[in-house]
C-alpha cells in the first residue's frame, strides 16, 4: 500500500511559504542605489509632464466650453 501523505497544518504551510519566498528573493537582481534614484527622478519628471499636458487640455476644454456657452447666449439674445 502506498503511504498516505500527511496533510500539512496551517503553521507548516505558512512556514513553507516563507521559506520558498526567501529562496525566491535571493534570486532577484536588485537595482543599485544610483539606478533607483535615476528611475525615481524619471518617474517624477514624467508625472510632472503628464500633469502639465492634462492641465493644458483642461484649460483648452474650458475655453472651448465657455466659448460655446457665450455663443449660445449671443444667439439667444
PDB file of N, CA and C in Angstrom:
ATOM      1  N   UNK A   1       0.825  -1.186   0.000  1.00  0.00           N
ATOM      2  CA  UNK A   1       0.000   0.000   0.000  1.00  0.00           C
ATOM      3  C   UNK A   1       0.867   1.247   0.000  1.00  0.00           C
ATOM      4  N   UNK A   2       0.421   2.230  -0.730  1.00  0.00           N
ATOM      5  CA  UNK A   2       1.152   3.498  -0.741  1.00  0.00           C
ATOM      6  C   UNK A   2       0.829   4.247   0.541  1.00  0.00           C
ATOM      7  N   UNK A   3       1.880   4.885   1.041  1.00  0.00           N
ATOM      8  CA  UNK A   3       1.669   5.645   2.271  1.00  0.00           C
ATOM      9  C   UNK A   3       0.825   6.874   1.972  1.00  0.00           C
ATOM     10  N   UNK A   4      -0.112   7.130   2.837  1.00  0.00           N
ATOM     11  CA  UNK A   4      -0.935   8.326   2.687  1.00  0.00           C
ATOM     12  C   UNK A   4      -0.098   9.528   3.095  1.00  0.00           C
ATOM     13  N   UNK A   5      -0.091  10.562   2.244  1.00  0.00           N
ATOM     14  CA  UNK A   5       0.697  11.757   2.542  1.00  0.00           C
ATOM     15  C   UNK A   5       0.017  12.524   3.669  1.00  0.00           C
ATOM     16  N   UNK A   6       0.826  12.864   4.669  1.00  0.00           N
ATOM     17  CA  UNK A   6       0.300  13.604   5.821  1.00  0.00           C
ATOM     18  C   UNK A   6      -0.052  15.022   5.373  1.00  0.00           C
ATOM     19  N   UNK A   7      -1.244  15.458   5.708  1.00  0.00           N
ATOM     20  CA  UNK A   7      -1.674  16.806   5.361  1.00  0.00           C
ATOM     21  C   UNK A   7      -0.998  17.808   6.292  1.00  0.00           C
ATOM     22  N   UNK A   8      -0.397  18.856   5.680  1.00  0.00           N
ATOM     23  CA  UNK A   8       0.271  19.880   6.488  1.00  0.00           C
ATOM     24  C   UNK A   8      -0.767  20.726   7.211  1.00  0.00           C
ATOM     25  N   UNK A   9      -0.406  21.108   8.425  1.00  0.00           N
ATOM     26  CA  UNK A   9      -1.308  22.015   9.125  1.00  0.00           C
ATOM     27  C   UNK A   9      -1.006  23.449   8.683  1.00  0.00           C
ATOM     28  N   UNK A  10      -1.762  24.375   9.168  1.00  0.00           N
ATOM     29  CA  UNK A  10      -1.660  25.772   8.747  1.00  0.00           C
ATOM     30  C   UNK A  10      -0.267  26.328   9.014  1.00  0.00           C
ATOM     31  N   UNK A  11       0.292  26.051  10.168  1.00  0.00           N
ATOM     32  CA  UNK A  11       1.595  26.610  10.524  1.00  0.00           C
ATOM     33  C   UNK A  11       2.705  26.055   9.651  1.00  0.00           C
ATOM     34  N   UNK A  12       2.608  24.782   9.296  1.00  0.00           N
ATOM     35  CA  UNK A  12       3.616  24.187   8.406  1.00  0.00           C
ATOM     36  C   UNK A  12       3.529  24.796   7.014  1.00  0.00           C
ATOM     37  N   UNK A  13       2.313  25.051   6.537  1.00  0.00           N
ATOM     38  CA  UNK A  13       2.148  25.673   5.220  1.00  0.00           C
ATOM     39  C   UNK A  13       2.675  27.100   5.211  1.00  0.00           C
ATOM     40  N   UNK A  14       2.415  27.841   6.286  1.00  0.00           N
ATOM     41  CA  UNK A  14       2.920  29.214   6.376  1.00  0.00           C
ATOM     42  C   UNK A  14       4.444  29.208   6.423  1.00  0.00           C
ATOM     43  N   UNK A  15       5.034  28.314   7.207  1.00  0.00           N
ATOM     44  CA  UNK A  15       6.488  28.230   7.298  1.00  0.00           C
ATOM     45  C   UNK A  15       7.094  27.863   5.951  1.00  0.00           C
ATOM     46  N   UNK A  16       6.471  26.929   5.241  1.00  0.00           N
ATOM     47  CA  UNK A  16       6.969  26.530   3.921  1.00  0.00           C
ATOM     48  C   UNK A  16       6.871  27.704   2.954  1.00  0.00           C
ATOM     49  N   UNK A  17       5.775  28.458   3.017  1.00  0.00           N
ATOM     50  CA  UNK A  17       5.603  29.621   2.147  1.00  0.00           C
ATOM     51  C   UNK A  17       6.714  30.640   2.376  1.00  0.00           C
ATOM     52  N   UNK A  18       7.041  30.920   3.646  1.00  0.00           N
ATOM     53  CA  UNK A  18       8.105  31.875   3.948  1.00  0.00           C
ATOM     54  C   UNK A  18       9.464  31.360   3.474  1.00  0.00           C
ATOM     55  N   UNK A  19       9.730  30.074   3.630  1.00  0.00           N
ATOM     56  CA  UNK A  19      10.994  29.508   3.141  1.00  0.00           C
ATOM     57  C   UNK A  19      11.113  29.656   1.630  1.00  0.00           C
ATOM     58  N   UNK A  20      10.029  29.339   0.936  1.00  0.00           N
ATOM     59  CA  UNK A  20      10.036  29.459  -0.521  1.00  0.00           C
ATOM     60  C   UNK A  20      10.176  30.912  -0.955  1.00  0.00           C
ATOM     61  N   UNK A  21       9.497  31.818  -0.257  1.00  0.00           N
ATOM     62  CA  UNK A  21       9.592  33.234  -0.587  1.00  0.00           C
ATOM     63  C   UNK A  21      11.020  33.730  -0.389  1.00  0.00           C
ATOM     64  N   UNK A  22      11.641  33.319   0.694  1.00  0.00           N
ATOM     65  CA  UNK A  22      13.014  33.745   0.975  1.00  0.00           C
ATOM     66  C   UNK A  22      13.968  33.239  -0.101  1.00  0.00           C
ATOM     67  N   UNK A  23      13.807  32.000  -0.528  1.00  0.00           N
ATOM     68  CA  UNK A  23      14.692  31.467  -1.554  1.00  0.00           C
ATOM     69  C   UNK A  23      14.475  32.170  -2.891  1.00  0.00           C
ATOM     70  N   UNK A  24      13.232  32.558  -3.193  1.00  0.00           N
ATOM     71  CA  UNK A  24      12.972  33.282  -4.441  1.00  0.00           C
ATOM     72  C   UNK A  24      13.543  34.693  -4.383  1.00  0.00           C
ATOM     73  N   UNK A  25      13.466  35.343  -3.226  1.00  0.00           N
ATOM     74  CA  UNK A  25      14.001  36.699  -3.102  1.00  0.00           C
ATOM     75  C   UNK A  25      15.516  36.727  -3.240  1.00  0.00           C
ATOM     76  N   UNK A  26      16.188  35.631  -2.927  1.00  0.00           N
ATOM     77  CA  UNK A  26      17.636  35.565  -3.110  1.00  0.00           C
ATOM     78  C   UNK A  26      18.007  35.558  -4.588  1.00  0.00           C
ATOM     79  N   UNK A  27      17.088  35.143  -5.440  1.00  0.00           N
ATOM     80  CA  UNK A  27      17.335  35.075  -6.883  1.00  0.00           C
ATOM     81  C   UNK A  27      17.115  36.417  -7.584  1.00  0.00           C
ATOM     82  N   UNK A  28      16.504  37.369  -6.891  1.00  0.00           N
ATOM     83  CA  UNK A  28      16.153  38.648  -7.500  1.00  0.00           C
ATOM     84  C   UNK A  28      17.407  39.481  -7.721  1.00  0.00           C
ATOM     85  N   UNK A  29      17.461  40.141  -8.879  1.00  0.00           N
ATOM     86  CA  UNK A  29      18.562  41.053  -9.178  1.00  0.00           C
ATOM     87  C   UNK A  29      18.124  42.454  -8.743  1.00  0.00           C
ATOM     88  N   UNK A  30      18.605  42.896  -7.599  1.00  0.00           N
ATOM     89  CA  UNK A  30      18.181  44.169  -7.041  1.00  0.00           C
ATOM     90  C   UNK A  30      18.941  45.311  -7.703  1.00  0.00           C
ATOM     91  N   UNK A  31      18.271  46.454  -7.981  1.00  0.00           N
ATOM     92  CA  UNK A  31      18.955  47.594  -8.600  1.00  0.00           C
ATOM     93  C   UNK A  31      19.853  48.305  -7.590  1.00  0.00           C
ATOM     94  N   UNK A  32      20.852  49.000  -8.141  1.00  0.00           N
ATOM     95  CA  UNK A  32      21.745  49.758  -7.265  1.00  0.00           C
ATOM     96  C   UNK A  32      21.042  51.037  -6.806  1.00  0.00           C
ATOM     97  N   UNK A  33      21.647  51.704  -5.828  1.00  0.00           N
ATOM     98  CA  UNK A  33      21.057  52.935  -5.305  1.00  0.00           C
ATOM     99  C   UNK A  33      20.978  53.992  -6.411  1.00  0.00           C
ATOM    100  N   UNK A  34      22.013  54.060  -7.251  1.00  0.00           N
ATOM    101  CA  UNK A  34      22.033  55.033  -8.340  1.00  0.00           C
ATOM    102  C   UNK A  34      20.900  54.772  -9.335  1.00  0.00           C
ATOM    103  N   UNK A  35      20.635  53.511  -9.628  1.00  0.00           N
ATOM    104  CA  UNK A  35      19.546  53.166 -10.545  1.00  0.00           C
ATOM    105  C   UNK A  35      18.191  53.549  -9.953  1.00  0.00           C
ATOM    106  N   UNK A  36      18.034  53.319  -8.663  1.00  0.00           N
ATOM    107  CA  UNK A  36      16.763  53.651  -8.008  1.00  0.00           C
ATOM    108  C   UNK A  36      16.535  55.157  -8.041  1.00  0.00           C
ATOM    109  N   UNK A  37      17.578  55.936  -7.734  1.00  0.00           N
ATOM    110  CA  UNK A  37      17.455  57.395  -7.744  1.00  0.00           C
ATOM    111  C   UNK A  37      17.149  57.884  -9.161  1.00  0.00           C
ATOM    112  N   UNK A  38      17.869  57.356 -10.153  1.00  0.00           N
ATOM    113  CA  UNK A  38      17.652  57.758 -11.547  1.00  0.00           C
ATOM    114  C   UNK A  38      16.228  57.434 -11.999  1.00  0.00           C
ATOM    115  N   UNK A  39      15.769  56.226 -11.716  1.00  0.00           N
ATOM    116  CA  UNK A  39      14.419  55.831 -12.113  1.00  0.00           C
ATOM    117  C   UNK A  39      13.355  56.645 -11.393  1.00  0.00           C
ATOM    118  N   UNK A  40      13.596  56.967 -10.121  1.00  0.00           N
ATOM    119  CA  UNK A  40      12.650  57.788  -9.365  1.00  0.00           C
ATOM    120  C   UNK A  40      12.541  59.179  -9.971  1.00  0.00           C
ATOM    121  N   UNK A  41      13.668  59.769 -10.345  1.00  0.00           N
ATOM    122  CA  UNK A  41      13.647  61.098 -10.970  1.00  0.00           C
ATOM    123  C   UNK A  41      12.936  61.065 -12.319  1.00  0.00           C
ATOM    124  N   UNK A  42      13.120  59.988 -13.076  1.00  0.00           N
ATOM    125  CA  UNK A  42      12.428  59.854 -14.358  1.00  0.00           C
ATOM    126  C   UNK A  42      10.919  59.776 -14.140  1.00  0.00           C
ATOM    127  N   UNK A  43      10.491  59.022 -13.148  1.00  0.00           N
ATOM    128  CA  UNK A  43       9.060  58.897 -12.858  1.00  0.00           C
ATOM    129  C   UNK A  43       8.483  60.242 -12.425  1.00  0.00           C
ATOM    130  N   UNK A  44       9.200  60.969 -11.592  1.00  0.00           N
ATOM    131  CA  UNK A  44       8.722  62.283 -11.144  1.00  0.00           C
ATOM    132  C   UNK A  44       8.622  63.235 -12.327  1.00  0.00           C
ATOM    133  N   UNK A  45       9.645  63.245 -13.190  1.00  0.00           N
ATOM    134  CA  UNK A  45       9.626  64.123 -14.364  1.00  0.00           C
ATOM    135  C   UNK A  45       8.466  63.773 -15.293  1.00  0.00           C
ATOM    136  N   UNK A  46       8.257  62.500 -15.552  1.00  0.00           N
ATOM    137  CA  UNK A  46       7.149  62.082 -16.423  1.00  0.00           C
ATOM    138  C   UNK A  46       5.807  62.454 -15.811  1.00  0.00           C
ATOM    139  N   UNK A  47       5.678  62.314 -14.508  1.00  0.00           N
ATOM    140  CA  UNK A  47       4.431  62.676 -13.825  1.00  0.00           C
ATOM    141  C   UNK A  47       4.152  64.165 -13.970  1.00  0.00           C
ATOM    142  N   UNK A  48       5.188  64.978 -13.834  1.00  0.00           N
ATOM    143  CA  UNK A  48       5.026  66.428 -13.978  1.00  0.00           C
ATOM    144  C   UNK A  48       4.637  66.778 -15.410  1.00  0.00           C
ATOM    145  N   UNK A  49       5.300  66.164 -16.396  1.00  0.00           N
ATOM    146  CA  UNK A  49       4.994  66.444 -17.803  1.00  0.00           C
ATOM    147  C   UNK A  49       3.558  66.048 -18.130  1.00  0.00           C
ATOM    148  N   UNK A  50       3.139  64.869 -17.717  1.00  0.00           N
ATOM    149  CA  UNK A  50       1.769  64.429 -17.982  1.00  0.00           C
ATOM    150  C   UNK A  50       0.770  65.332 -17.260  1.00  0.00           C
ATOM    151  N   UNK A  51       1.099  65.751 -16.052  1.00  0.00           N
ATOM    152  CA  UNK A  51       0.222  66.674 -15.321  1.00  0.00           C
ATOM    153  C   UNK A  51       0.063  67.996 -16.047  1.00  0.00           C
ATOM    154  N   UNK A  52       1.162  68.515 -16.608  1.00  0.00           N
ATOM    155  CA  UNK A  52       1.098  69.775 -17.360  1.00  0.00           C
ATOM    156  C   UNK A  52       0.259  69.593 -18.616  1.00  0.00           C
ATOM    157  N   UNK A  53       0.430  68.471 -19.315  1.00  0.00           N
ATOM    158  CA  UNK A  53      -0.357  68.210 -20.530  1.00  0.00           C
ATOM    159  C   UNK A  53      -1.846  68.140 -20.193  1.00  0.00           C
ATOM    160  N   UNK A  54      -2.198  67.445 -19.134  1.00  0.00           N
ATOM    161  CA  UNK A  54      -3.608  67.352 -18.730  1.00  0.00           C
ATOM    162  C   UNK A  54      -4.141  68.726 -18.344  1.00  0.00           C
ATOM    163  N   UNK A  55      -3.330  69.513 -17.657  1.00  0.00           N
ATOM    164  CA  UNK A  55      -3.724  70.866 -17.258  1.00  0.00           C
ATOM    165  C   UNK A  55      -3.997  71.725 -18.491  1.00  0.00           C
ATOM    166  N   UNK A  56      -3.117  71.611 -19.522  1.00  0.00           N
ATOM    167  CA  UNK A  56      -3.310  72.391 -20.743  1.00  0.00           C
ATOM    168  C   UNK A  56      -4.578  71.955 -21.481  1.00  0.00           C
ATOM    169  N   UNK A  57      -4.823  70.649 -21.559  1.00  0.00           N
ATOM    170  CA  UNK A  57      -6.063  70.175 -22.177  1.00  0.00           C
ATOM    171  C   UNK A  57      -7.277  70.680 -21.403  1.00  0.00           C
ATOM    172  N   UNK A  58      -7.174  70.720 -20.089  1.00  0.00           N
ATOM    173  CA  UNK A  58      -8.283  71.211 -19.271  1.00  0.00           C
ATOM    174  C   UNK A  58      -8.551  72.684 -19.553  1.00  0.00           C
ATOM    175  N   UNK A  59      -7.482  73.473 -19.655  1.00  0.00           N
ATOM    176  CA  UNK A  59      -7.645  74.896 -19.973  1.00  0.00           C
ATOM    177  C   UNK A  59      -8.283  75.048 -21.353  1.00  0.00           C
ATOM    178  N   UNK A  60      -7.804  74.262 -22.325  1.00  0.00           N
ATOM    179  CA  UNK A  60      -8.372  74.328 -23.674  1.00  0.00           C
ATOM    180  C   UNK A  60      -9.836  73.941 -23.695  1.00  0.00           C
ATOM    181  N   UNK A  61     -10.177  72.872 -22.999  1.00  0.00           N
ATOM    182  CA  UNK A  61     -11.577  72.437 -22.947  1.00  0.00           C
ATOM    183  C   UNK A  61     -12.440  73.498 -22.276  1.00  0.00           C
ATOM    184  N   UNK A  62     -11.909  74.133 -21.241  1.00  0.00           N
ATOM    185  CA  UNK A  62     -12.653  75.185 -20.546  1.00  0.00           C
ATOM    186  C   UNK A  62     -12.890  76.371 -21.473  1.00  0.00           C
ATOM    187  N   UNK A  63     -11.877  76.763 -22.249  1.00  0.00           N
ATOM    188  CA  UNK A  63     -12.033  77.874 -23.188  1.00  0.00           C
ATOM    189  C   UNK A  63     -13.073  77.533 -24.260  1.00  0.00           C
ATOM    190  N   UNK A  64     -13.025  76.320 -24.781  1.00  0.00           N
ATOM    191  CA  UNK A  64     -13.995  75.907 -25.801  1.00  0.00           C
ATOM    192  C   UNK A  64     -15.403  75.892 -25.211  1.00  0.00           C
ATOM    193  N   UNK A  65     -15.537  75.337 -24.025  1.00  0.00           N
ATOM    194  CA  UNK A  65     -16.846  75.265 -23.367  1.00  0.00           C
ATOM    195  C   UNK A  65     -17.411  76.674 -23.128  1.00  0.00           C
ATOM    196  N   UNK A  66     -16.580  77.548 -22.565  1.00  0.00           N
ATOM    197  CA  UNK A  66     -17.044  78.916 -22.300  1.00  0.00           C
ATOM    198  C   UNK A  66     -17.352  79.659 -23.600  1.00  0.00           C
ATOM    199  N   UNK A  67     -16.576  79.377 -24.659  1.00  0.00           N
ATOM    200  CA  UNK A  67     -16.855  79.999 -25.959  1.00  0.00           C
ATOM    201  C   UNK A  67     -18.194  79.557 -26.509  1.00  0.00           C
ATOM    202  N   UNK A  68     -18.487  78.271 -26.406  1.00  0.00           N
ATOM    203  CA  UNK A  68     -19.772  77.761 -26.889  1.00  0.00           C
ATOM    204  C   UNK A  68     -20.920  78.352 -26.074  1.00  0.00           C
ATOM    205  N   UNK A  69     -20.769  78.426 -24.773  1.00  0.00           N
ATOM    206  CA  UNK A  69     -21.820  78.999 -23.914  1.00  0.00           C
ATOM    207  C   UNK A  69     -22.036  80.467 -24.262  1.00  0.00           C
ATOM    208  N   UNK A  70     -20.954  81.206 -24.469  1.00  0.00           N
ATOM    209  CA  UNK A  70     -21.076  82.625 -24.835  1.00  0.00           C
ATOM    210  C   UNK A  70     -21.765  82.775 -26.183  1.00  0.00           C
ATOM    211  N   UNK A  71     -21.422  81.901 -27.126  1.00  0.00           N
ATOM    212  CA  UNK A  71     -22.032  81.945 -28.454  1.00  0.00           C
ATOM    213  C   UNK A  71     -23.521  81.664 -28.376  1.00  0.00           C
ATOM    214  N   UNK A  72     -23.922  80.685 -27.590  1.00  0.00           N
ATOM    215  CA  UNK A  72     -25.337  80.348 -27.427  1.00  0.00           C
ATOM    216  C   UNK A  72     -26.079  81.523 -26.790  1.00  0.00           C
ATOM    217  N   UNK A  73     -25.484  82.163 -25.813  1.00  0.00           N
ATOM    218  CA  UNK A  73     -26.119  83.314 -25.166  1.00  0.00           C
ATOM    219  C   UNK A  73     -26.278  84.483 -26.147  1.00  0.00           C
ATOM    220  N   UNK A  74     -25.266  84.666 -27.031  1.00  0.00           N
ATOM    221  CA  UNK A  74     -25.340  85.719 -28.022  1.00  0.00           C
ATOM    222  C   UNK A  74     -26.466  85.462 -29.018  1.00  0.00           C
ATOM    223  N   UNK A  75     -26.601  84.180 -29.424  1.00  0.00           N
ATOM    224  CA  UNK A  75     -27.610  83.826 -30.398  1.00  0.00           C
ATOM    225  C   UNK A  75     -29.011  83.982 -29.795  1.00  0.00           C
ATOM    226  N   UNK A  76     -29.166  83.600 -28.536  1.00  0.00           N
ATOM    227  CA  UNK A  76     -30.470  83.705 -27.875  1.00  0.00           C
ATOM    228  C   UNK A  76     -30.853  85.156 -27.654  1.00  0.00           C
ATOM    229  N   UNK A  77     -29.861  86.021 -27.584  1.00  0.00           N
ATOM    230  CA  UNK A  77     -30.144  87.441 -27.481  1.00  0.00           C
ATOM    231  C   UNK A  77     -30.196  87.891 -26.103  1.00  0.00           C
TER     232      UNK A  77
END
